[in-house]
Amino acid sequence: MASRAIGTIDAPVLVLNQNYQPLNICSARRALILMGRGKAESIINGVGEVRSVADIFPLPSVVRLFYMVKKPLVRRKLSRQALFYRDNFTCQYCGKGTKKLTVDHIQPRCKGGKHTWENVVSACSKCNHKK
């Protein structure tokens, strides 16, 4: 993969949705095409410019689309390691930081609780067994 040099037509440009939510990164060439077709506006200009016979266009570094792009919500798979990272390797009951944690279901599975992000927390063994 070739590197994208800042200040060139291949420079990376951040593309934002209509509500300023980040969508992706495209080339300055693609961003200028979107702006020329009236589909986007430049929010922040980058380094450099593109010259034509009649005009000079500053290279954008951030553009915002004039319309909403529905981006599918990416659900991260629930795993012990991901849960511990979310909770910063800290027991959610006593606040002690430790590497020896267990997964605690807030509403127990035997009582209809699901194994979802909203129903699990990191707990040290002592706190998990108290419950």
N, C-alpha and C. Protein backbone atom coordinates (compact mmCIF):
# COMPACT_ATOMS: atom_id res chain seq x y z
N MET A 1 0.84 -1.18 0.00
CA MET A 1 0.00 0.00 0.00
C MET A 1 0.89 1.24 0.00
N ALA A 2 0.67 2.13 -0.93
CA ALA A 2 1.47 3.33 -1.04
C ALA A 2 1.10 4.32 0.06
N SER A 3 2.09 5.06 0.55
CA SER A 3 1.80 6.05 1.58
C SER A 3 1.14 7.27 0.94
N ARG A 4 0.28 7.89 1.71
CA ARG A 4 -0.43 9.07 1.23
C ARG A 4 0.28 10.31 1.75
N ALA A 5 0.92 11.05 0.87
CA ALA A 5 1.67 12.22 1.28
C ALA A 5 0.73 13.40 1.54
N ILE A 6 0.98 14.10 2.64
CA ILE A 6 0.19 15.28 2.99
C ILE A 6 0.49 16.36 1.95
N GLY A 7 -0.55 17.07 1.53
CA GLY A 7 -0.37 18.15 0.57
C GLY A 7 -0.46 17.69 -0.87
N THR A 8 -0.79 16.42 -1.10
CA THR A 8 -0.96 15.93 -2.46
C THR A 8 -2.41 15.54 -2.69
N ILE A 9 -2.73 15.25 -3.92
CA ILE A 9 -4.10 14.87 -4.29
C ILE A 9 -4.49 13.53 -3.67
N ASP A 10 -3.50 12.75 -3.22
CA ASP A 10 -3.77 11.46 -2.58
C ASP A 10 -3.76 11.56 -1.05
N ALA A 11 -3.71 12.76 -0.51
CA ALA A 11 -3.69 12.95 0.94
C ALA A 11 -4.98 12.43 1.57
N PRO A 12 -4.91 11.89 2.79
CA PRO A 12 -6.11 11.38 3.45
C PRO A 12 -7.03 12.52 3.90
N VAL A 13 -8.34 12.29 3.73
CA VAL A 13 -9.35 13.27 4.14
C VAL A 13 -10.40 12.54 4.98
N LEU A 14 -10.73 13.08 6.13
CA LEU A 14 -11.77 12.52 6.99
C LEU A 14 -13.13 12.92 6.44
N VAL A 15 -14.02 11.94 6.25
CA VAL A 15 -15.38 12.20 5.76
C VAL A 15 -16.34 12.07 6.93
N LEU A 16 -17.13 13.12 7.16
CA LEU A 16 -18.12 13.14 8.24
C LEU A 16 -19.52 13.03 7.67
N ASN A 17 -20.41 12.40 8.43
CA ASN A 17 -21.82 12.32 8.07
C ASN A 17 -22.44 13.71 8.25
N GLN A 18 -23.70 13.86 7.87
CA GLN A 18 -24.39 15.13 8.00
C GLN A 18 -24.40 15.62 9.45
N ASN A 19 -24.43 14.68 10.40
CA ASN A 19 -24.46 15.04 11.82
C ASN A 19 -23.06 15.07 12.45
N TYR A 20 -22.03 15.18 11.61
CA TYR A 20 -20.63 15.29 12.03
C TYR A 20 -20.07 14.00 12.64
N GLN A 21 -20.71 12.89 12.39
CA GLN A 21 -20.21 11.59 12.85
C GLN A 21 -19.20 11.07 11.83
N PRO A 22 -18.02 10.62 12.26
CA PRO A 22 -17.02 10.12 11.31
C PRO A 22 -17.52 8.90 10.54
N LEU A 23 -17.29 8.90 9.22
CA LEU A 23 -17.69 7.78 8.37
C LEU A 23 -16.49 6.97 7.90
N ASN A 24 -15.55 7.64 7.26
CA ASN A 24 -14.37 6.95 6.74
C ASN A 24 -13.31 7.96 6.34
N ILE A 25 -12.27 7.46 5.71
CA ILE A 25 -11.20 8.31 5.19
C ILE A 25 -11.10 8.04 3.70
N CYS A 26 -11.04 9.11 2.92
CA CYS A 26 -10.90 8.97 1.47
C CYS A 26 -9.72 9.84 1.03
N SER A 27 -9.46 9.84 -0.26
CA SER A 27 -8.37 10.67 -0.79
C SER A 27 -8.88 12.10 -1.01
N ALA A 28 -7.95 13.04 -1.08
CA ALA A 28 -8.32 14.43 -1.36
C ALA A 28 -8.99 14.52 -2.73
N ARG A 29 -8.57 13.68 -3.67
CA ARG A 29 -9.18 13.66 -5.00
C ARG A 29 -10.68 13.35 -4.89
N ARG A 30 -11.02 12.30 -4.12
CA ARG A 30 -12.43 11.91 -3.94
C ARG A 30 -13.20 13.01 -3.21
N ALA A 31 -12.58 13.64 -2.22
CA ALA A 31 -13.23 14.72 -1.47
C ALA A 31 -13.53 15.91 -2.38
N LEU A 32 -12.59 16.25 -3.26
CA LEU A 32 -12.82 17.36 -4.19
C LEU A 32 -13.95 17.03 -5.17
N ILE A 33 -14.04 15.78 -5.59
CA ILE A 33 -15.14 15.36 -6.47
C ILE A 33 -16.48 15.50 -5.74
N LEU A 34 -16.54 15.05 -4.49
CA LEU A 34 -17.77 15.19 -3.70
C LEU A 34 -18.16 16.66 -3.54
N MET A 35 -17.19 17.51 -3.29
CA MET A 35 -17.47 18.94 -3.15
C MET A 35 -17.90 19.56 -4.47
N GLY A 36 -17.26 19.17 -5.56
CA GLY A 36 -17.61 19.69 -6.87
C GLY A 36 -19.01 19.30 -7.32
N ARG A 37 -19.48 18.14 -6.89
CA ARG A 37 -20.83 17.68 -7.23
C ARG A 37 -21.88 18.19 -6.26
N GLY A 38 -21.46 18.99 -5.29
CA GLY A 38 -22.41 19.55 -4.33
C GLY A 38 -22.89 18.57 -3.29
N LYS A 39 -22.12 17.53 -3.03
CA LYS A 39 -22.51 16.51 -2.05
C LYS A 39 -21.82 16.70 -0.70
N ALA A 40 -20.81 17.56 -0.64
CA ALA A 40 -20.06 17.74 0.60
C ALA A 40 -19.52 19.16 0.67
N GLU A 41 -19.16 19.55 1.88
CA GLU A 41 -18.52 20.85 2.10
C GLU A 41 -17.23 20.64 2.88
N SER A 42 -16.29 21.52 2.66
CA SER A 42 -15.02 21.44 3.38
C SER A 42 -15.21 22.04 4.77
N ILE A 43 -14.80 21.32 5.78
CA ILE A 43 -14.88 21.81 7.16
C ILE A 43 -13.53 22.39 7.58
N ILE A 44 -12.46 21.66 7.27
CA ILE A 44 -11.11 22.12 7.59
C ILE A 44 -10.24 21.92 6.35
N ASN A 45 -9.54 22.97 5.96
CA ASN A 45 -8.62 22.85 4.83
C ASN A 45 -7.28 22.32 5.32
N GLY A 46 -6.68 21.49 4.49
CA GLY A 46 -5.38 20.92 4.82
C GLY A 46 -4.26 21.75 4.23
N VAL A 47 -3.16 21.08 3.97
CA VAL A 47 -1.98 21.72 3.41
C VAL A 47 -1.99 21.51 1.91
N GLY A 48 -1.76 22.56 1.16
CA GLY A 48 -1.67 22.45 -0.29
C GLY A 48 -2.93 22.88 -1.01
N GLU A 49 -2.83 22.86 -2.33
CA GLU A 49 -3.94 23.28 -3.17
C GLU A 49 -3.85 22.60 -4.52
N VAL A 50 -4.99 22.59 -5.21
CA VAL A 50 -5.04 22.06 -6.57
C VAL A 50 -5.37 23.23 -7.48
N ARG A 51 -4.60 23.37 -8.55
CA ARG A 51 -4.82 24.49 -9.47
C ARG A 51 -5.41 23.98 -10.78
N SER A 52 -6.39 24.72 -11.27
CA SER A 52 -6.91 24.47 -12.61
C SER A 52 -6.63 25.72 -13.44
N VAL A 53 -7.07 25.71 -14.67
CA VAL A 53 -6.85 26.87 -15.54
C VAL A 53 -7.57 28.09 -14.97
N ALA A 54 -8.77 27.87 -14.41
CA ALA A 54 -9.59 28.99 -13.98
C ALA A 54 -9.59 29.24 -12.48
N ASP A 55 -9.19 28.27 -11.66
CA ASP A 55 -9.38 28.43 -10.22
C ASP A 55 -8.31 27.69 -9.42
N ILE A 56 -8.26 28.01 -8.15
CA ILE A 56 -7.38 27.33 -7.20
C ILE A 56 -8.27 26.77 -6.09
N PHE A 57 -8.10 25.47 -5.79
CA PHE A 57 -8.91 24.81 -4.77
C PHE A 57 -8.00 24.35 -3.63
N PRO A 58 -8.27 24.81 -2.40
CA PRO A 58 -7.48 24.30 -1.28
C PRO A 58 -7.82 22.83 -1.03
N LEU A 59 -6.81 22.04 -0.69
CA LEU A 59 -7.04 20.63 -0.39
C LEU A 59 -7.71 20.52 0.98
N PRO A 60 -8.83 19.83 1.06
CA PRO A 60 -9.49 19.68 2.36
C PRO A 60 -8.82 18.59 3.19
N SER A 61 -8.95 18.69 4.50
CA SER A 61 -8.51 17.59 5.37
C SER A 61 -9.71 16.96 6.07
N VAL A 62 -10.84 17.71 6.15
CA VAL A 62 -12.08 17.18 6.71
C VAL A 62 -13.23 17.72 5.86
N VAL A 63 -14.12 16.82 5.41
CA VAL A 63 -15.32 17.23 4.67
C VAL A 63 -16.55 16.64 5.35
N ARG A 64 -17.68 17.34 5.20
CA ARG A 64 -18.96 16.88 5.75
C ARG A 64 -19.95 16.70 4.62
N LEU A 65 -20.61 15.54 4.61
CA LEU A 65 -21.62 15.28 3.60
C LEU A 65 -22.88 16.07 3.91
N PHE A 66 -23.64 16.44 2.87
CA PHE A 66 -24.90 17.16 3.04
C PHE A 66 -26.07 16.22 3.29
N TYR A 67 -25.82 14.92 3.30
CA TYR A 67 -26.88 13.94 3.50
C TYR A 67 -26.41 12.88 4.50
N MET A 68 -27.38 12.15 5.06
CA MET A 68 -27.06 11.11 6.03
C MET A 68 -26.76 9.79 5.33
N VAL A 69 -25.74 9.13 5.78
CA VAL A 69 -25.42 7.79 5.32
C VAL A 69 -25.69 6.87 6.50
N LYS A 70 -26.61 5.93 6.32
CA LYS A 70 -26.93 5.00 7.40
C LYS A 70 -25.82 3.97 7.49
N LYS A 71 -25.13 4.03 8.60
CA LYS A 71 -24.02 3.12 8.84
C LYS A 71 -24.50 2.04 9.80
N PRO A 72 -24.35 0.78 9.44
CA PRO A 72 -24.82 -0.27 10.35
C PRO A 72 -24.05 -0.25 11.67
N LEU A 73 -24.78 -0.46 12.74
CA LEU A 73 -24.17 -0.48 14.06
C LEU A 73 -23.36 -1.76 14.23
N VAL A 74 -22.10 -1.61 14.55
CA VAL A 74 -21.23 -2.77 14.74
C VAL A 74 -21.28 -3.16 16.21
N ARG A 75 -21.78 -4.34 16.47
CA ARG A 75 -21.85 -4.84 17.84
C ARG A 75 -20.59 -5.65 18.13
N ARG A 76 -19.87 -5.27 19.14
CA ARG A 76 -18.66 -5.99 19.51
C ARG A 76 -19.05 -7.25 20.29
N LYS A 77 -18.42 -8.35 19.95
CA LYS A 77 -18.70 -9.62 20.60
C LYS A 77 -18.29 -9.55 22.07
N LEU A 78 -19.15 -10.05 22.93
CA LEU A 78 -18.88 -10.07 24.37
C LEU A 78 -17.91 -11.21 24.69
N SER A 79 -16.79 -10.85 25.28
CA SER A 79 -15.82 -11.84 25.74
C SER A 79 -15.29 -11.38 27.10
N ARG A 80 -14.69 -12.30 27.83
CA ARG A 80 -14.15 -11.96 29.14
C ARG A 80 -13.11 -10.84 29.02
N GLN A 81 -12.20 -11.00 28.07
CA GLN A 81 -11.12 -10.02 27.92
C GLN A 81 -11.68 -8.65 27.55
N ALA A 82 -12.65 -8.60 26.62
CA ALA A 82 -13.25 -7.32 26.22
C ALA A 82 -14.00 -6.68 27.40
N LEU A 83 -14.67 -7.50 28.20
CA LEU A 83 -15.38 -6.99 29.38
C LEU A 83 -14.40 -6.39 30.38
N PHE A 84 -13.29 -7.08 30.62
CA PHE A 84 -12.31 -6.57 31.57
C PHE A 84 -11.68 -5.27 31.07
N TYR A 85 -11.45 -5.17 29.77
CA TYR A 85 -10.94 -3.92 29.21
C TYR A 85 -11.95 -2.81 29.40
N ARG A 86 -13.24 -3.09 29.13
CA ARG A 86 -14.29 -2.08 29.29
C ARG A 86 -14.31 -1.55 30.72
N ASP A 87 -14.18 -2.46 31.69
CA ASP A 87 -14.24 -2.08 33.09
C ASP A 87 -12.88 -1.71 33.67
N ASN A 88 -11.88 -1.58 32.81
CA ASN A 88 -10.53 -1.14 33.20
C ASN A 88 -9.90 -2.05 34.26
N PHE A 89 -10.14 -3.37 34.14
CA PHE A 89 -9.60 -4.36 35.06
C PHE A 89 -9.86 -3.97 36.52
N THR A 90 -11.08 -3.48 36.77
CA THR A 90 -11.48 -3.03 38.10
C THR A 90 -12.77 -3.71 38.51
N CYS A 91 -12.84 -4.15 39.76
CA CYS A 91 -14.08 -4.73 40.29
C CYS A 91 -15.12 -3.61 40.35
N GLN A 92 -16.29 -3.84 39.80
CA GLN A 92 -17.31 -2.81 39.74
C GLN A 92 -18.07 -2.66 41.06
N TYR A 93 -17.81 -3.52 42.03
CA TYR A 93 -18.47 -3.44 43.33
C TYR A 93 -17.59 -2.76 44.37
N CYS A 94 -16.33 -3.18 44.47
CA CYS A 94 -15.45 -2.60 45.50
C CYS A 94 -14.45 -1.59 44.93
N GLY A 95 -14.28 -1.57 43.61
CA GLY A 95 -13.39 -0.59 42.98
C GLY A 95 -11.92 -0.96 42.98
N LYS A 96 -11.58 -2.16 43.42
CA LYS A 96 -10.17 -2.58 43.44
C LYS A 96 -9.74 -3.02 42.05
N GLY A 97 -8.56 -2.58 41.66
CA GLY A 97 -7.99 -2.99 40.39
C GLY A 97 -7.20 -4.27 40.54
N THR A 98 -7.51 -5.26 39.73
CA THR A 98 -6.81 -6.54 39.81
C THR A 98 -6.90 -7.25 38.47
N LYS A 99 -5.98 -8.16 38.25
CA LYS A 99 -6.01 -8.96 37.02
C LYS A 99 -6.82 -10.23 37.21
N LYS A 100 -7.14 -10.58 38.47
CA LYS A 100 -7.92 -11.79 38.76
C LYS A 100 -9.38 -11.41 38.95
N LEU A 101 -10.11 -11.35 37.85
CA LEU A 101 -11.51 -10.94 37.87
C LEU A 101 -12.41 -12.07 37.40
N THR A 102 -13.67 -11.97 37.76
CA THR A 102 -14.69 -12.89 37.27
C THR A 102 -15.77 -12.09 36.58
N VAL A 103 -16.60 -12.78 35.80
CA VAL A 103 -17.72 -12.14 35.13
C VAL A 103 -18.95 -12.33 36.01
N ASP A 104 -19.62 -11.23 36.36
CA ASP A 104 -20.82 -11.30 37.19
C ASP A 104 -22.02 -10.84 36.37
N HIS A 105 -23.07 -11.66 36.37
CA HIS A 105 -24.32 -11.28 35.72
C HIS A 105 -25.15 -10.51 36.74
N ILE A 106 -25.52 -9.29 36.42
CA ILE A 106 -26.29 -8.45 37.34
C ILE A 106 -27.62 -9.12 37.65
N GLN A 107 -28.36 -9.48 36.62
CA GLN A 107 -29.54 -10.32 36.80
C GLN A 107 -29.09 -11.73 36.45
N PRO A 108 -29.07 -12.64 37.44
CA PRO A 108 -28.53 -13.98 37.19
C PRO A 108 -29.21 -14.69 36.01
N ARG A 109 -28.43 -15.49 35.31
CA ARG A 109 -28.95 -16.22 34.15
C ARG A 109 -30.07 -17.18 34.56
N CYS A 110 -29.98 -17.75 35.78
CA CYS A 110 -31.01 -18.68 36.23
C CYS A 110 -32.35 -17.97 36.48
N LYS A 111 -32.30 -16.63 36.58
CA LYS A 111 -33.53 -15.85 36.79
C LYS A 111 -33.91 -15.06 35.54
N GLY A 112 -33.42 -15.52 34.40
CA GLY A 112 -33.80 -14.90 33.12
C GLY A 112 -32.86 -13.84 32.60
N GLY A 113 -31.76 -13.60 33.28
CA GLY A 113 -30.79 -12.62 32.82
C GLY A 113 -30.05 -13.12 31.58
N LYS A 114 -29.73 -12.21 30.69
CA LYS A 114 -29.05 -12.57 29.45
C LYS A 114 -27.55 -12.30 29.57
N HIS A 115 -26.80 -12.96 28.71
CA HIS A 115 -25.35 -12.76 28.65
C HIS A 115 -25.08 -11.65 27.64
N THR A 116 -25.36 -10.39 28.05
CA THR A 116 -25.20 -9.23 27.18
C THR A 116 -24.32 -8.20 27.87
N TRP A 117 -23.84 -7.22 27.09
CA TRP A 117 -22.99 -6.17 27.63
C TRP A 117 -23.68 -5.42 28.77
N GLU A 118 -24.99 -5.24 28.65
CA GLU A 118 -25.73 -4.47 29.65
C GLU A 118 -25.94 -5.23 30.95
N ASN A 119 -25.78 -6.55 30.95
CA ASN A 119 -26.09 -7.36 32.12
C ASN A 119 -24.86 -7.97 32.79
N VAL A 120 -23.67 -7.66 32.32
CA VAL A 120 -22.47 -8.24 32.93
C VAL A 120 -21.50 -7.14 33.37
N VAL A 121 -20.79 -7.43 34.45
CA VAL A 121 -19.74 -6.53 34.96
C VAL A 121 -18.57 -7.37 35.44
N SER A 122 -17.43 -6.72 35.57
CA SER A 122 -16.25 -7.37 36.15
C SER A 122 -16.36 -7.30 37.66
N ALA A 123 -16.05 -8.41 38.32
CA ALA A 123 -16.09 -8.45 39.78
C ALA A 123 -14.94 -9.32 40.28
N CYS A 124 -14.38 -8.92 41.43
CA CYS A 124 -13.37 -9.78 42.04
C CYS A 124 -14.09 -10.98 42.64
N SER A 125 -13.37 -12.04 42.90
CA SER A 125 -13.98 -13.28 43.41
C SER A 125 -14.72 -13.04 44.72
N LYS A 126 -14.14 -12.24 45.60
CA LYS A 126 -14.74 -11.97 46.91
C LYS A 126 -16.12 -11.32 46.75
N CYS A 127 -16.21 -10.28 45.91
CA CYS A 127 -17.48 -9.58 45.72
C CYS A 127 -18.50 -10.44 44.97
N ASN A 128 -18.03 -11.22 44.01
CA ASN A 128 -18.95 -12.05 43.23
C ASN A 128 -19.57 -13.13 44.11
N HIS A 129 -18.82 -13.66 45.07
CA HIS A 129 -19.36 -14.72 45.93
C HIS A 129 -20.23 -14.16 47.05
N LYS A 130 -20.04 -12.88 47.41
CA LYS A 130 -20.91 -12.23 48.40
C LYS A 130 -22.34 -12.16 47.90
N LYS A 131 -22.46 -11.89 46.64
CA LYS A 131 -23.76 -11.71 46.01
C LYS A 131 -24.49 -13.02 46.01
